[in-house]
C-alpha cells in the first residue's frame, strides 16, 4: 500500500516540455485567453487544488455558451459545484443519479424538440449536455449512454475521465490504467495494482455510428475548443472523452496537472484525435513518442512500477501504448485517403 500514499517531490518531476521552441502548435497552452471571456462554471467551487477536470468543465462551457442545459451524474463535479445552498453553475443544471445522465439528457432533448414543434417554445438551438465521470460512463452508466447514442439524440455526452472513482475514495473503474494503484486495486506483494486494461470508451461510442467522437485534454485548450464546437454542430449524438488529471487520486503535486496532460499526449498514453462520421484524424500527432517512464515517474499511483521488480511489466505497458498509437496512425492514414 505504500505506493498508494506517496506523492511526488520536486525532484521527481519531469523536465518541462519545450512549449514553444520548435513547436509552434504548443503555443495553445497560453491561448485560453482567446476563448470567450464569459464563464458559466464559476470560481469559488470546492474542487481540489490542480483539478484538471474542473478546468475542462470551465473551458467546455465557455465554448458552448449560455443556451445550454446540463445533466450531471453523481461524481466529483456534482459534489464540488452544488453543495447546498450554493452552486457554481450559471446555466440550467440538474443533478441526476450515477447511472442515468444520458437518459435524463435524452429526455431533456426530446422534450425541447416536442415543445418547439408544438410552438410552445421558439425554435432555436439549445445545447443539451450530459456529463459524468469515468465510473458513471464506462461502468454504471454505460447502458444509458448506449441507448442515447442508438436513438440518435442531438446532444453532447462528456466523459470526464480521471481514471477512478475519485469522489468516493479512489476506487478502480473500467478506465483505470493497467498497473495503477487504487484503494480497491492496491499495489503490493501479491498484486501489481489494476490488473485489467483501460476500457476503450471512444471506440465503443464510435462503434454506434454516431456523427462525432473526440478525445480532448485541457492541457491543449484550443484543440479542446475546436472539438467542442464540432460536437455542438453535429447533426446527432456527439461524445467527448476528456483526459482529466487528478492530483489527489494520482498522488502528484497539484501544479503538475497541465504538464502531466501534455506528457500523456507526448508519450502516447492519451492521444488526441477525432472521428467524424467514421473517419479518424489525429489532431495532435506525435511522430516520436517520449518514453513512458517520463509519464509514470511523477505519479505516486505508478511509483511501484519504477522498481526493477516490474521492468517486464513496464516494457509490456510501453509496447502496448506504442502498438495502440501505431494503430491510430495507420487508421488515420487510411481514412485520409478515402
C-alpha atoms as a PDB file:
ATOM      1  CA  UNK A   1       0.000   0.000   0.000  1.00  0.00           C
ATOM      2  CA  UNK A   2       2.966   2.336   0.360  1.00  0.00           C
ATOM      3  CA  UNK A   3       2.867   3.450  -3.265  1.00  0.00           C
ATOM      4  CA  UNK A   4      -0.781   4.434  -2.931  1.00  0.00           C
ATOM      5  CA  UNK A   5       0.008   7.122  -0.372  1.00  0.00           C
ATOM      6  CA  UNK A   6       3.193   8.557  -1.846  1.00  0.00           C
ATOM      7  CA  UNK A   7       3.153  11.795  -3.761  1.00  0.00           C
ATOM      8  CA  UNK A   8       5.782  13.325  -5.973  1.00  0.00           C
ATOM      9  CA  UNK A   9       8.510  15.612  -4.777  1.00  0.00           C
ATOM     10  CA  UNK A  10      10.095  18.359  -6.843  1.00  0.00           C
ATOM     11  CA  UNK A  11      12.982  16.033  -7.734  1.00  0.00           C
ATOM     12  CA  UNK A  12      10.532  13.522  -9.250  1.00  0.00           C
ATOM     13  CA  UNK A  13       9.090  15.978 -11.705  1.00  0.00           C
ATOM     14  CA  UNK A  14       9.670  15.573 -15.445  1.00  0.00           C
ATOM     15  CA  UNK A  15      11.725  18.011 -17.427  1.00  0.00           C
ATOM     16  CA  UNK A  16       9.369  20.614 -18.819  1.00  0.00           C
ATOM     17  CA  UNK A  17       8.392  20.102 -22.412  1.00  0.00           C
ATOM     18  CA  UNK A  18       9.641  22.749 -24.897  1.00  0.00           C
ATOM     19  CA  UNK A  19       6.407  24.696 -25.014  1.00  0.00           C
ATOM     20  CA  UNK A  20       7.328  26.909 -27.926  1.00  0.00           C
ATOM     21  CA  UNK A  21      10.822  26.135 -29.182  1.00  0.00           C
ATOM     22  CA  UNK A  22      10.456  24.234 -32.445  1.00  0.00           C
ATOM     23  CA  UNK A  23       6.816  23.502 -31.696  1.00  0.00           C
ATOM     24  CA  UNK A  24       4.513  26.422 -32.581  1.00  0.00           C
ATOM     25  CA  UNK A  25       1.399  24.269 -32.102  1.00  0.00           C
ATOM     26  CA  UNK A  26       2.222  24.044 -28.408  1.00  0.00           C
ATOM     27  CA  UNK A  27       1.573  27.766 -28.064  1.00  0.00           C
ATOM     28  CA  UNK A  28      -2.034  26.835 -27.360  1.00  0.00           C
ATOM     29  CA  UNK A  29      -1.105  26.234 -23.731  1.00  0.00           C
ATOM     30  CA  UNK A  30      -1.005  30.037 -23.419  1.00  0.00           C
ATOM     31  CA  UNK A  31      -4.034  30.695 -25.589  1.00  0.00           C
ATOM     32  CA  UNK A  32      -7.040  30.070 -23.358  1.00  0.00           C
ATOM     33  CA  UNK A  33      -7.358  33.867 -23.353  1.00  0.00           C
ATOM     34  CA  UNK A  34      -8.545  33.561 -26.958  1.00  0.00           C
ATOM     35  CA  UNK A  35     -11.681  31.753 -25.759  1.00  0.00           C
ATOM     36  CA  UNK A  36     -14.887  33.625 -24.863  1.00  0.00           C
ATOM     37  CA  UNK A  37     -14.486  35.699 -21.702  1.00  0.00           C
ATOM     38  CA  UNK A  38     -17.789  34.738 -20.088  1.00  0.00           C
ATOM     39  CA  UNK A  39     -17.696  31.839 -17.626  1.00  0.00           C
ATOM     40  CA  UNK A  40     -20.723  29.636 -16.981  1.00  0.00           C
ATOM     41  CA  UNK A  41     -18.917  27.479 -14.422  1.00  0.00           C
ATOM     42  CA  UNK A  42     -17.884  29.967 -11.794  1.00  0.00           C
ATOM     43  CA  UNK A  43     -14.952  30.282  -9.429  1.00  0.00           C
ATOM     44  CA  UNK A  44     -15.406  29.507  -5.743  1.00  0.00           C
ATOM     45  CA  UNK A  45     -16.307  25.837  -6.125  1.00  0.00           C
ATOM     46  CA  UNK A  46     -14.806  23.124  -3.929  1.00  0.00           C
ATOM     47  CA  UNK A  47     -12.534  21.261  -6.359  1.00  0.00           C
ATOM     48  CA  UNK A  48      -9.129  20.080  -5.155  1.00  0.00           C
ATOM     49  CA  UNK A  49      -6.065  22.154  -5.989  1.00  0.00           C
ATOM     50  CA  UNK A  50      -4.841  21.468  -9.504  1.00  0.00           C
ATOM     51  CA  UNK A  51      -8.045  19.710 -10.604  1.00  0.00           C
ATOM     52  CA  UNK A  52      -7.827  19.437 -14.399  1.00  0.00           C
ATOM     53  CA  UNK A  53     -11.405  18.181 -14.560  1.00  0.00           C
ATOM     54  CA  UNK A  54     -12.744  21.477 -13.183  1.00  0.00           C
ATOM     55  CA  UNK A  55     -10.596  23.328 -15.713  1.00  0.00           C
ATOM     56  CA  UNK A  56     -12.029  21.217 -18.536  1.00  0.00           C
ATOM     57  CA  UNK A  57     -15.601  21.883 -17.380  1.00  0.00           C
ATOM     58  CA  UNK A  58     -14.912  25.613 -17.369  1.00  0.00           C
ATOM     59  CA  UNK A  59     -13.330  25.587 -20.851  1.00  0.00           C
ATOM     60  CA  UNK A  60     -16.038  23.416 -22.403  1.00  0.00           C
ATOM     61  CA  UNK A  61     -18.856  25.622 -21.164  1.00  0.00           C
ATOM     62  CA  UNK A  62     -17.074  28.795 -22.246  1.00  0.00           C
ATOM     63  CA  UNK A  63     -17.350  27.406 -25.762  1.00  0.00           C
ATOM     64  CA  UNK A  64     -20.906  26.029 -25.512  1.00  0.00           C
ATOM     65  CA  UNK A  65     -22.267  29.323 -24.212  1.00  0.00           C
ATOM     66  CA  UNK A  66     -25.402  30.419 -22.379  1.00  0.00           C
ATOM     67  CA  UNK A  67     -28.043  28.412 -24.287  1.00  0.00           C
ATOM     68  CA  UNK A  68     -27.045  25.137 -22.665  1.00  0.00           C
ATOM     69  CA  UNK A  69     -28.746  22.711 -20.277  1.00  0.00           C
ATOM     70  CA  UNK A  70     -26.575  20.274 -18.298  1.00  0.00           C
ATOM     71  CA  UNK A  71     -27.460  16.965 -16.643  1.00  0.00           C
ATOM     72  CA  UNK A  72     -24.671  15.824 -14.306  1.00  0.00           C
ATOM     73  CA  UNK A  73     -24.324  12.381 -12.805  1.00  0.00           C
ATOM     74  CA  UNK A  74     -23.216  11.949  -9.231  1.00  0.00           C
ATOM     75  CA  UNK A  75     -19.465  12.427  -9.080  1.00  0.00           C
ATOM     76  CA  UNK A  76     -16.699  14.891  -8.336  1.00  0.00           C
ATOM     77  CA  UNK A  77     -18.134  17.749 -10.373  1.00  0.00           C
ATOM     78  CA  UNK A  78     -21.563  17.383  -8.806  1.00  0.00           C
ATOM     79  CA  UNK A  79     -20.139  17.375  -5.277  1.00  0.00           C
ATOM     80  CA  UNK A  80     -17.782  20.311  -5.736  1.00  0.00           C
ATOM     81  CA  UNK A  81     -20.175  22.526  -7.676  1.00  0.00           C
ATOM     82  CA  UNK A  82     -23.513  22.227  -5.900  1.00  0.00           C
ATOM     83  CA  UNK A  83     -23.216  21.891  -2.137  1.00  0.00           C
ATOM     84  CA  UNK A  84     -26.467  23.349  -0.803  1.00  0.00           C
ATOM     85  CA  UNK A  85     -27.246  26.240  -0.829  1.00  0.00           C
ATOM     86  CA  UNK A  86     -24.523  27.233  -3.303  1.00  0.00           C
ATOM     87  CA  UNK A  87     -23.946  26.482  -6.971  1.00  0.00           C
ATOM     88  CA  UNK A  88     -21.093  27.139  -9.379  1.00  0.00           C
ATOM     89  CA  UNK A  89     -23.426  26.876 -12.399  1.00  0.00           C
ATOM     90  CA  UNK A  90     -24.703  29.961 -14.245  1.00  0.00           C
ATOM     91  CA  UNK A  91     -26.805  27.924 -16.685  1.00  0.00           C
ATOM     92  CA  UNK A  92     -29.662  25.427 -16.161  1.00  0.00           C
ATOM     93  CA  UNK A  93     -28.212  22.386 -14.410  1.00  0.00           C
ATOM     94  CA  UNK A  94     -29.672  19.232 -12.918  1.00  0.00           C
ATOM     95  CA  UNK A  95     -28.043  16.619 -10.678  1.00  0.00           C
ATOM     96  CA  UNK A  96     -29.126  13.085 -11.543  1.00  0.00           C
ATOM     97  CA  UNK A  97     -28.204   9.597 -10.375  1.00  0.00           C
ATOM     98  CA  UNK A  98     -24.880   7.916 -11.030  1.00  0.00           C
ATOM     99  CA  UNK A  99     -26.211   5.792 -13.870  1.00  0.00           C
ATOM    100  CA  UNK A 100     -28.677   7.918 -15.832  1.00  0.00           C
ATOM    101  CA  UNK A 101     -27.148  11.207 -17.032  1.00  0.00           C
ATOM    102  CA  UNK A 102     -27.521  10.085 -20.658  1.00  0.00           C
ATOM    103  CA  UNK A 103     -31.144   9.048 -20.109  1.00  0.00           C
ATOM    104  CA  UNK A 104     -32.054  12.345 -18.431  1.00  0.00           C
ATOM    105  CA  UNK A 105     -30.254  14.302 -21.156  1.00  0.00           C
ATOM    106  CA  UNK A 106     -32.190  12.304 -23.760  1.00  0.00           C
ATOM    107  CA  UNK A 107     -35.463  13.266 -22.099  1.00  0.00           C
ATOM    108  CA  UNK A 108     -34.497  16.940 -21.996  1.00  0.00           C
ATOM    109  CA  UNK A 109     -33.522  16.933 -25.674  1.00  0.00           C
ATOM    110  CA  UNK A 110     -36.708  15.123 -26.705  1.00  0.00           C
ATOM    111  CA  UNK A 111     -38.876  17.396 -24.567  1.00  0.00           C
ATOM    112  CA  UNK A 112     -37.368  20.550 -26.051  1.00  0.00           C
ATOM    113  CA  UNK A 113     -37.880  19.182 -29.540  1.00  0.00           C
ATOM    114  CA  UNK A 114     -41.566  18.453 -28.897  1.00  0.00           C
ATOM    115  CA  UNK A 115     -42.212  21.832 -27.250  1.00  0.00           C
ATOM    116  CA  UNK A 116     -40.637  23.627 -30.211  1.00  0.00           C
ATOM    117  CA  UNK A 117     -42.624  21.538 -32.687  1.00  0.00           C
ATOM    118  CA  UNK A 118     -45.870  22.441 -30.884  1.00  0.00           C
ATOM    119  CA  UNK A 119     -44.932  26.111 -30.780  1.00  0.00           C
ATOM    120  CA  UNK A 120     -44.709  26.303 -27.006  1.00  0.00           C
ATOM    121  CA  UNK A 121     -41.062  27.316 -27.250  1.00  0.00           C
ATOM    122  CA  UNK A 122     -39.494  29.428 -30.009  1.00  0.00           C
ATOM    123  CA  UNK A 123     -37.390  27.377 -32.376  1.00  0.00           C
ATOM    124  CA  UNK A 124     -33.737  27.909 -31.516  1.00  0.00           C
ATOM    125  CA  UNK A 125     -30.677  25.839 -30.779  1.00  0.00           C
ATOM    126  CA  UNK A 126     -30.402  24.799 -27.123  1.00  0.00           C
ATOM    127  CA  UNK A 127     -27.424  22.548 -26.461  1.00  0.00           C
ATOM    128  CA  UNK A 128     -28.145  19.634 -24.147  1.00  0.00           C
ATOM    129  CA  UNK A 129     -25.143  18.162 -22.332  1.00  0.00           C
ATOM    130  CA  UNK A 130     -24.984  15.005 -20.244  1.00  0.00           C
ATOM    131  CA  UNK A 131     -21.793  14.667 -18.233  1.00  0.00           C
ATOM    132  CA  UNK A 132     -20.340  12.036 -15.931  1.00  0.00           C
ATOM    133  CA  UNK A 133     -17.033  10.704 -14.721  1.00  0.00           C
ATOM    134  CA  UNK A 134     -15.413   7.504 -15.908  1.00  0.00           C
ATOM    135  CA  UNK A 135     -17.347   5.380 -13.411  1.00  0.00           C
ATOM    136  CA  UNK A 136     -20.663   6.956 -14.402  1.00  0.00           C
ATOM    137  CA  UNK A 137     -19.794   6.441 -18.070  1.00  0.00           C
ATOM    138  CA  UNK A 138     -17.758   3.278 -18.583  1.00  0.00           C
ATOM    139  CA  UNK A 139     -19.326   1.252 -15.782  1.00  0.00           C
ATOM    140  CA  UNK A 140     -22.567   2.314 -14.101  1.00  0.00           C
ATOM    141  CA  UNK A 141     -23.915   4.484 -16.920  1.00  0.00           C
ATOM    142  CA  UNK A 142     -22.873   2.505 -19.997  1.00  0.00           C
ATOM    143  CA  UNK A 143     -26.360   1.145 -20.708  1.00  0.00           C
ATOM    144  CA  UNK A 144     -27.993   4.584 -20.670  1.00  0.00           C
ATOM    145  CA  UNK A 145     -25.189   6.025 -22.804  1.00  0.00           C
ATOM    146  CA  UNK A 146     -25.527   3.270 -25.402  1.00  0.00           C
ATOM    147  CA  UNK A 147     -29.275   3.842 -25.588  1.00  0.00           C
ATOM    148  CA  UNK A 148     -28.804   7.581 -26.062  1.00  0.00           C
ATOM    149  CA  UNK A 149     -26.346   7.017 -28.917  1.00  0.00           C
ATOM    150  CA  UNK A 150     -28.529   4.369 -30.570  1.00  0.00           C
ATOM    151  CA  UNK A 151     -31.636   6.575 -30.510  1.00  0.00           C
ATOM    152  CA  UNK A 152     -29.762   9.435 -32.163  1.00  0.00           C
ATOM    153  CA  UNK A 153     -30.494  12.276 -29.747  1.00  0.00           C
ATOM    154  CA  UNK A 154     -28.903  15.541 -30.860  1.00  0.00           C
ATOM    155  CA  UNK A 155     -26.895  16.243 -27.715  1.00  0.00           C
ATOM    156  CA  UNK A 156     -23.387  16.000 -26.315  1.00  0.00           C
ATOM    157  CA  UNK A 157     -22.186  13.412 -23.825  1.00  0.00           C
ATOM    158  CA  UNK A 158     -18.984  14.335 -21.964  1.00  0.00           C
ATOM    159  CA  UNK A 159     -16.974  11.785 -20.005  1.00  0.00           C
ATOM    160  CA  UNK A 160     -14.544  13.383 -17.561  1.00  0.00           C
ATOM    161  CA  UNK A 161     -12.024  10.579 -17.169  1.00  0.00           C
ATOM    162  CA  UNK A 162      -9.832  10.830 -14.066  1.00  0.00           C
ATOM    163  CA  UNK A 163      -9.372   7.066 -14.191  1.00  0.00           C
ATOM    164  CA  UNK A 164     -11.002   6.034 -10.899  1.00  0.00           C
ATOM    165  CA  UNK A 165     -13.990   6.715  -8.642  1.00  0.00           C
ATOM    166  CA  UNK A 166     -12.294   9.730  -7.078  1.00  0.00           C
ATOM    167  CA  UNK A 167     -15.407  11.154  -5.428  1.00  0.00           C
ATOM    168  CA  UNK A 168     -15.892   8.093  -3.216  1.00  0.00           C
ATOM    169  CA  UNK A 169     -12.306   7.252  -2.324  1.00  0.00           C
ATOM    170  CA  UNK A 170     -10.116   6.462  -5.362  1.00  0.00           C
ATOM    171  CA  UNK A 171     -11.611   3.058  -6.219  1.00  0.00           C
ATOM    172  CA  UNK A 172     -10.685   1.490  -9.555  1.00  0.00           C
ATOM    173  CA  UNK A 173     -13.013   1.861 -12.542  1.00  0.00           C
ATOM    174  CA  UNK A 174     -13.239   0.418 -16.023  1.00  0.00           C
ATOM    175  CA  UNK A 175     -10.886   3.125 -17.283  1.00  0.00           C
ATOM    176  CA  UNK A 176      -8.211   2.787 -14.585  1.00  0.00           C
ATOM    177  CA  UNK A 177      -4.903   2.075 -16.375  1.00  0.00           C
ATOM    178  CA  UNK A 178      -3.202  -1.285 -16.022  1.00  0.00           C
ATOM    179  CA  UNK A 179      -0.772  -1.223 -13.095  1.00  0.00           C
ATOM    180  CA  UNK A 180      -2.259   1.810 -11.315  1.00  0.00           C
ATOM    181  CA  UNK A 181      -2.586   1.511  -7.543  1.00  0.00           C
ATOM    182  CA  UNK A 182      -6.016   2.439  -6.159  1.00  0.00           C
ATOM    183  CA  UNK A 183      -7.786   1.730  -2.887  1.00  0.00           C
ATOM    184  CA  UNK A 184      -9.551  -1.299  -4.411  1.00  0.00           C
ATOM    185  CA  UNK A 185      -6.637  -2.408  -6.614  1.00  0.00           C
ATOM    186  CA  UNK A 186      -3.719  -1.693  -4.265  1.00  0.00           C
ATOM    187  CA  UNK A 187      -0.196  -2.472  -5.377  1.00  0.00           C
ATOM    188  CA  UNK A 188       1.689  -4.787  -3.054  1.00  0.00           C
ATOM    189  CA  UNK A 189       3.446  -8.124  -2.774  1.00  0.00           C
ATOM    190  CA  UNK A 190       0.518 -10.022  -4.266  1.00  0.00           C
ATOM    191  CA  UNK A 191      -0.602  -7.545  -6.917  1.00  0.00           C
ATOM    192  CA  UNK A 192       0.728  -5.077  -9.474  1.00  0.00           C
ATOM    193  CA  UNK A 193      -2.333  -2.913  -8.853  1.00  0.00           C
ATOM    194  CA  UNK A 194      -5.030  -2.618 -11.523  1.00  0.00           C
ATOM    195  CA  UNK A 195      -4.938  -5.873 -13.495  1.00  0.00           C
ATOM    196  CA  UNK A 196      -7.116  -5.020 -16.498  1.00  0.00           C
ATOM    197  CA  UNK A 197      -6.519  -2.644 -19.391  1.00  0.00           C
ATOM    198  CA  UNK A 198      -8.372   0.613 -19.886  1.00  0.00           C
ATOM    199  CA  UNK A 199     -11.820   0.279 -21.461  1.00  0.00           C
ATOM    200  CA  UNK A 200     -11.740   1.996 -24.914  1.00  0.00           C
ATOM    201  CA  UNK A 201     -14.765   4.250 -24.491  1.00  0.00           C
ATOM    202  CA  UNK A 202     -14.205   6.439 -27.593  1.00  0.00           C
ATOM    203  CA  UNK A 203     -14.049   3.316 -29.778  1.00  0.00           C
ATOM    204  CA  UNK A 204     -17.154   1.862 -28.091  1.00  0.00           C
ATOM    205  CA  UNK A 205     -19.092   5.060 -28.774  1.00  0.00           C
ATOM    206  CA  UNK A 206     -17.786   5.359 -32.342  1.00  0.00           C
ATOM    207  CA  UNK A 207     -18.994   1.797 -32.983  1.00  0.00           C
ATOM    208  CA  UNK A 208     -22.557   3.124 -32.586  1.00  0.00           C
ATOM    209  CA  UNK A 209     -22.086   5.009 -35.860  1.00  0.00           C
ATOM    210  CA  UNK A 210     -22.606   8.476 -34.377  1.00  0.00           C
ATOM    211  CA  UNK A 211     -21.524  11.659 -36.202  1.00  0.00           C
ATOM    212  CA  UNK A 212     -18.796  12.819 -33.845  1.00  0.00           C
ATOM    213  CA  UNK A 213     -16.385  11.351 -31.279  1.00  0.00           C
ATOM    214  CA  UNK A 214     -13.290  13.101 -29.935  1.00  0.00           C
ATOM    215  CA  UNK A 215     -10.705  12.906 -27.189  1.00  0.00           C
ATOM    216  CA  UNK A 216      -9.859  16.210 -25.516  1.00  0.00           C
ATOM    217  CA  UNK A 217      -7.405  17.438 -22.915  1.00  0.00           C
ATOM    218  CA  UNK A 218      -7.456  20.769 -21.024  1.00  0.00           C
ATOM    219  CA  UNK A 219      -3.680  20.960 -21.462  1.00  0.00           C
ATOM    220  CA  UNK A 220      -4.497  21.691 -25.141  1.00  0.00           C
ATOM    221  CA  UNK A 221      -7.235  24.329 -24.820  1.00  0.00           C
ATOM    222  CA  UNK A 222      -7.531  25.346 -28.471  1.00  0.00           C
ATOM    223  CA  UNK A 223      -7.737  21.734 -29.629  1.00  0.00           C
ATOM    224  CA  UNK A 224     -10.420  21.243 -26.968  1.00  0.00           C
ATOM    225  CA  UNK A 225     -12.352  24.338 -28.059  1.00  0.00           C
ATOM    226  CA  UNK A 226     -12.425  23.321 -31.724  1.00  0.00           C
ATOM    227  CA  UNK A 227     -13.723  19.859 -30.858  1.00  0.00           C
ATOM    228  CA  UNK A 228     -16.400  21.215 -28.550  1.00  0.00           C
ATOM    229  CA  UNK A 229     -17.607  23.459 -31.405  1.00  0.00           C
ATOM    230  CA  UNK A 230     -17.764  20.491 -33.764  1.00  0.00           C
ATOM    231  CA  UNK A 231     -19.631  18.421 -31.171  1.00  0.00           C
ATOM    232  CA  UNK A 232     -22.140  21.251 -30.739  1.00  0.00           C
ATOM    233  CA  UNK A 233     -22.687  21.469 -34.502  1.00  0.00           C
ATOM    234  CA  UNK A 234     -23.028  17.705 -35.024  1.00  0.00           C
ATOM    235  CA  UNK A 235     -26.339  16.552 -36.508  1.00  0.00           C
ATOM    236  CA  UNK A 236     -26.841  13.837 -33.912  1.00  0.00           C
ATOM    237  CA  UNK A 237     -25.124  12.492 -30.804  1.00  0.00           C
ATOM    238  CA  UNK A 238     -21.587  13.598 -30.031  1.00  0.00           C
ATOM    239  CA  UNK A 239     -19.227  12.046 -27.488  1.00  0.00           C
ATOM    240  CA  UNK A 240     -16.257  13.848 -25.886  1.00  0.00           C
ATOM    241  CA  UNK A 241     -13.767  11.902 -23.791  1.00  0.00           C
ATOM    242  CA  UNK A 242     -11.852  14.257 -21.507  1.00  0.00           C
ATOM    243  CA  UNK A 243      -8.454  13.346 -20.086  1.00  0.00           C
ATOM    244  CA  UNK A 244      -8.777  14.811 -16.576  1.00  0.00           C
ATOM    245  CA  UNK A 245      -5.626  14.715 -14.452  1.00  0.00           C
ATOM    246  CA  UNK A 246      -6.410  14.268 -10.737  1.00  0.00           C
ATOM    247  CA  UNK A 247      -3.546  15.288  -8.431  1.00  0.00           C
ATOM    248  CA  UNK A 248      -5.312  13.867  -5.358  1.00  0.00           C
ATOM    249  CA  UNK A 249      -6.073  10.432  -6.792  1.00  0.00           C
ATOM    250  CA  UNK A 250      -2.926  10.179  -8.886  1.00  0.00           C
ATOM    251  CA  UNK A 251      -0.695  11.179  -5.935  1.00  0.00           C
ATOM    252  CA  UNK A 252       1.128  14.009  -7.635  1.00  0.00           C
ATOM    253  CA  UNK A 253       1.847  17.684  -6.994  1.00  0.00           C
ATOM    254  CA  UNK A 254      -1.163  19.933  -7.815  1.00  0.00           C
ATOM    255  CA  UNK A 255       0.869  22.206 -10.080  1.00  0.00           C
ATOM    256  CA  UNK A 256       1.740  19.279 -12.368  1.00  0.00           C
ATOM    257  CA  UNK A 257      -1.744  18.724 -13.804  1.00  0.00           C
ATOM    258  CA  UNK A 258      -1.162  20.633 -17.053  1.00  0.00           C
ATOM    259  CA  UNK A 259       2.302  19.145 -17.564  1.00  0.00           C
ATOM    260  CA  UNK A 260       1.014  15.607 -16.974  1.00  0.00           C
ATOM    261  CA  UNK A 261      -1.708  16.261 -19.516  1.00  0.00           C
ATOM    262  CA  UNK A 262       0.876  17.190 -22.117  1.00  0.00           C
ATOM    263  CA  UNK A 263       3.041  14.192 -21.225  1.00  0.00           C
ATOM    264  CA  UNK A 264       0.016  11.933 -21.679  1.00  0.00           C
ATOM    265  CA  UNK A 265      -0.193  13.079 -25.293  1.00  0.00           C
ATOM    266  CA  UNK A 266       3.556  13.119 -25.962  1.00  0.00           C
ATOM    267  CA  UNK A 267       4.053   9.581 -24.628  1.00  0.00           C
ATOM    268  CA  UNK A 268       1.026   8.212 -26.493  1.00  0.00           C
ATOM    269  CA  UNK A 269      -0.850   7.308 -23.314  1.00  0.00           C
ATOM    270  CA  UNK A 270      -3.798   9.574 -24.185  1.00  0.00           C
ATOM    271  CA  UNK A 271      -3.681  10.555 -27.881  1.00  0.00           C
ATOM    272  CA  UNK A 272      -5.787  13.405 -29.196  1.00  0.00           C
ATOM    273  CA  UNK A 273      -7.978  12.545 -32.178  1.00  0.00           C
ATOM    274  CA  UNK A 274     -11.469  12.925 -33.579  1.00  0.00           C
ATOM    275  CA  UNK A 275     -13.721  10.552 -35.503  1.00  0.00           C
ATOM    276  CA  UNK A 276     -16.080  12.347 -37.875  1.00  0.00           C
ATOM    277  CA  UNK A 277     -18.671  10.064 -39.474  1.00  0.00           C
ATOM    278  CA  UNK A 278     -16.310   7.129 -39.030  1.00  0.00           C
ATOM    279  CA  UNK A 279     -13.137   8.831 -40.295  1.00  0.00           C
ATOM    280  CA  UNK A 280     -10.354   9.214 -37.755  1.00  0.00           C
ATOM    281  CA  UNK A 281      -7.889  12.109 -37.673  1.00  0.00           C
ATOM    282  CA  UNK A 282      -5.051  12.665 -35.198  1.00  0.00           C
ATOM    283  CA  UNK A 283      -5.297  16.302 -34.109  1.00  0.00           C
ATOM    284  CA  UNK A 284      -2.003  16.405 -32.187  1.00  0.00           C
ATOM    285  CA  UNK A 285       0.213  13.872 -33.996  1.00  0.00           C
ATOM    286  CA  UNK A 286       3.336  12.733 -32.167  1.00  0.00           C
ATOM    287  CA  UNK A 287       5.785  11.197 -34.671  1.00  0.00           C
ATOM    288  CA  UNK A 288       8.227  10.140 -31.937  1.00  0.00           C
ATOM    289  CA  UNK A 289       6.719   9.149 -28.620  1.00  0.00           C
ATOM    290  CA  UNK A 290       8.523  10.094 -25.424  1.00  0.00           C
ATOM    291  CA  UNK A 291       9.458   7.217 -23.069  1.00  0.00           C
ATOM    292  CA  UNK A 292       6.572   6.002 -20.920  1.00  0.00           C
ATOM    293  CA  UNK A 293       8.645   6.260 -17.736  1.00  0.00           C
ATOM    294  CA  UNK A 294       8.533  10.075 -18.019  1.00  0.00           C
ATOM    295  CA  UNK A 295       4.769   9.848 -17.575  1.00  0.00           C
ATOM    296  CA  UNK A 296       4.858   7.254 -14.795  1.00  0.00           C
ATOM    297  CA  UNK A 297       7.532   8.812 -12.598  1.00  0.00           C
ATOM    298  CA  UNK A 298       5.690  11.929 -11.354  1.00  0.00           C
ATOM    299  CA  UNK A 299       2.621   9.919 -10.261  1.00  0.00           C
ATOM    300  CA  UNK A 300       2.531   8.107  -6.924  1.00  0.00           C
ATOM    301  CA  UNK A 301      -0.057   5.632  -8.228  1.00  0.00           C
ATOM    302  CA  UNK A 302       2.638   4.229 -10.544  1.00  0.00           C
ATOM    303  CA  UNK A 303       5.583   4.534  -8.147  1.00  0.00           C
ATOM    304  CA  UNK A 304       5.859   0.762  -7.643  1.00  0.00           C
ATOM    305  CA  UNK A 305       6.251   0.231 -11.412  1.00  0.00           C
ATOM    306  CA  UNK A 306       9.589   2.046 -11.335  1.00  0.00           C
ATOM    307  CA  UNK A 307      11.115  -0.817  -9.346  1.00  0.00           C
ATOM    308  CA  UNK A 308      13.320  -3.314 -11.161  1.00  0.00           C
ATOM    309  CA  UNK A 309      10.869  -5.968  -9.993  1.00  0.00           C
ATOM    310  CA  UNK A 310       8.429  -4.610 -12.556  1.00  0.00           C
ATOM    311  CA  UNK A 311      10.731  -3.944 -15.510  1.00  0.00           C
ATOM    312  CA  UNK A 312       8.991  -6.609 -17.618  1.00  0.00           C
ATOM    313  CA  UNK A 313       5.584  -5.112 -16.853  1.00  0.00           C
ATOM    314  CA  UNK A 314       6.873  -1.641 -17.737  1.00  0.00           C
ATOM    315  CA  UNK A 315       8.107  -2.965 -21.043  1.00  0.00           C
ATOM    316  CA  UNK A 316       4.750  -4.620 -21.704  1.00  0.00           C
ATOM    317  CA  UNK A 317       2.863  -1.385 -20.985  1.00  0.00           C
ATOM    318  CA  UNK A 318       5.267   0.587 -23.210  1.00  0.00           C
ATOM    319  CA  UNK A 319       4.812  -1.943 -26.020  1.00  0.00           C
ATOM    320  CA  UNK A 320       1.027  -1.777 -25.753  1.00  0.00           C
ATOM    321  CA  UNK A 321       0.997   2.032 -25.779  1.00  0.00           C
ATOM    322  CA  UNK A 322       3.245   2.043 -28.869  1.00  0.00           C
ATOM    323  CA  UNK A 323       1.126  -0.575 -30.651  1.00  0.00           C
ATOM    324  CA  UNK A 324      -2.133   1.244 -29.953  1.00  0.00           C
ATOM    325  CA  UNK A 325      -0.665   4.541 -31.146  1.00  0.00           C
ATOM    326  CA  UNK A 326       0.695   2.893 -34.299  1.00  0.00           C
ATOM    327  CA  UNK A 327      -2.788   1.527 -35.000  1.00  0.00           C
ATOM    328  CA  UNK A 328      -4.249   5.036 -34.663  1.00  0.00           C
ATOM    329  CA  UNK A 329      -1.625   6.347 -37.107  1.00  0.00           C
ATOM    330  CA  UNK A 330      -2.393   3.511 -39.528  1.00  0.00           C
ATOM    331  CA  UNK A 331      -6.130   4.139 -39.389  1.00  0.00           C
ATOM    332  CA  UNK A 332      -5.729   7.921 -39.691  1.00  0.00           C
ATOM    333  CA  UNK A 333      -3.590   7.463 -42.804  1.00  0.00           C
ATOM    334  CA  UNK A 334      -6.100   5.049 -44.305  1.00  0.00           C
ATOM    335  CA  UNK A 335      -9.077   7.289 -43.506  1.00  0.00           C
ATOM    336  CA  UNK A 336      -7.311  10.322 -45.026  1.00  0.00           C
ATOM    337  CA  UNK A 337      -7.220   8.511 -48.365  1.00  0.00           C
ATOM    338  CA  UNK A 338     -10.856   7.533 -48.558  1.00  0.00           C
END
